[in-house]
């Protein structure tokens, strides 16, 4: 749900807010705060678009490593 603004009008919407379990293995987890999630999504999306669509220099390095530590699961 962090790709939407649903948290702004219904912060208790459900899946994607608070805590839950991983779909892949049932492990408990705590979701990131929506504002933090939007910041991370925006940063990676901007870097991706500037690198591959606009072909601007200086953004590709951001995509090559985890910029947010253990807040996210990073895979290349």
Protein backbone atom coordinates (compact mmCIF):
# COMPACT_ATOMS: atom_id res chain seq x y z
CA UNK A 1 0.00 0.00 0.00
CA UNK A 2 2.94 2.36 0.22
CA UNK A 3 2.71 3.13 -3.49
CA UNK A 4 -0.57 4.92 -2.82
CA UNK A 5 -1.77 7.71 -0.56
CA UNK A 6 -4.41 5.58 1.15
CA UNK A 7 -2.68 6.09 4.50
CA UNK A 8 -3.65 9.78 4.33
CA UNK A 9 -7.37 9.08 4.54
CA UNK A 10 -7.41 5.68 6.27
CA UNK A 11 -4.28 4.96 8.34
CA UNK A 12 -5.76 1.68 9.60
CA UNK A 13 -6.52 0.33 6.12
CA UNK A 14 -4.71 -2.94 6.75
CA UNK A 15 -2.13 -4.76 4.64
CA UNK A 16 0.96 -2.57 4.43
CA UNK A 17 0.45 -0.66 7.67
CA UNK A 18 1.55 -1.53 11.20
CA UNK A 19 2.61 -5.14 11.48
CA UNK A 20 1.89 -8.32 9.58
CA UNK A 21 3.55 -11.46 8.24
CA UNK A 22 5.71 -12.09 5.18
CA UNK A 23 3.80 -13.76 2.38
CA UNK A 24 6.84 -15.88 1.49
CA UNK A 25 7.52 -17.51 4.85
CA UNK A 26 5.01 -16.31 7.45
CA UNK A 27 7.73 -14.45 9.39
CA UNK A 28 6.36 -11.53 11.44
CA UNK A 29 7.32 -8.04 10.31
CA UNK A 30 6.67 -4.38 11.00
CA UNK A 31 5.97 -2.27 7.94
CA UNK A 32 7.81 0.98 7.41
CA UNK A 33 6.02 4.21 8.16
CA UNK A 34 4.24 5.39 4.99
CA UNK A 35 6.26 8.64 4.83
CA UNK A 36 9.53 6.70 5.07
CA UNK A 37 8.34 4.28 2.40
CA UNK A 38 7.39 7.10 0.05
CA UNK A 39 10.81 8.70 0.53
CA UNK A 40 12.59 5.44 -0.34
CA UNK A 41 10.34 4.66 -3.32
CA UNK A 42 10.70 8.19 -4.67
CA UNK A 43 14.50 8.13 -4.35
CA UNK A 44 14.93 4.85 -6.22
CA UNK A 45 12.28 5.73 -8.83
CA UNK A 46 13.88 9.12 -9.53
CA UNK A 47 17.33 7.54 -9.83
CA UNK A 48 16.01 4.83 -12.14
CA UNK A 49 14.15 7.25 -14.40
CA UNK A 50 17.00 9.76 -14.53
CA UNK A 51 19.47 6.97 -15.36
CA UNK A 52 17.53 4.91 -17.89
CA UNK A 53 14.91 7.22 -19.35
CA UNK A 54 16.48 10.66 -19.23
CA UNK A 55 20.04 9.25 -19.49
CA UNK A 56 21.42 11.69 -16.95
CA UNK A 57 24.81 11.14 -15.35
CA UNK A 58 25.23 10.88 -11.61
CA UNK A 59 22.22 8.76 -10.65
CA UNK A 60 23.27 5.21 -11.56
CA UNK A 61 25.54 4.88 -8.51
CA UNK A 62 22.56 5.31 -6.21
CA UNK A 63 20.97 2.20 -7.73
CA UNK A 64 24.07 0.04 -7.31
CA UNK A 65 23.96 -0.29 -3.53
CA UNK A 66 21.58 -0.28 -0.62
CA UNK A 67 21.04 3.31 0.46
CA UNK A 68 18.77 2.47 3.41
CA UNK A 69 20.50 -0.30 5.40
CA UNK A 70 18.23 -2.79 7.11
CA UNK A 71 15.12 -0.71 6.43
CA UNK A 72 14.73 -2.49 3.09
CA UNK A 73 15.50 -5.80 1.42
CA UNK A 74 17.88 -4.85 -1.37
CA UNK A 75 18.58 -7.16 -4.30
CA UNK A 76 20.36 -6.54 -7.58
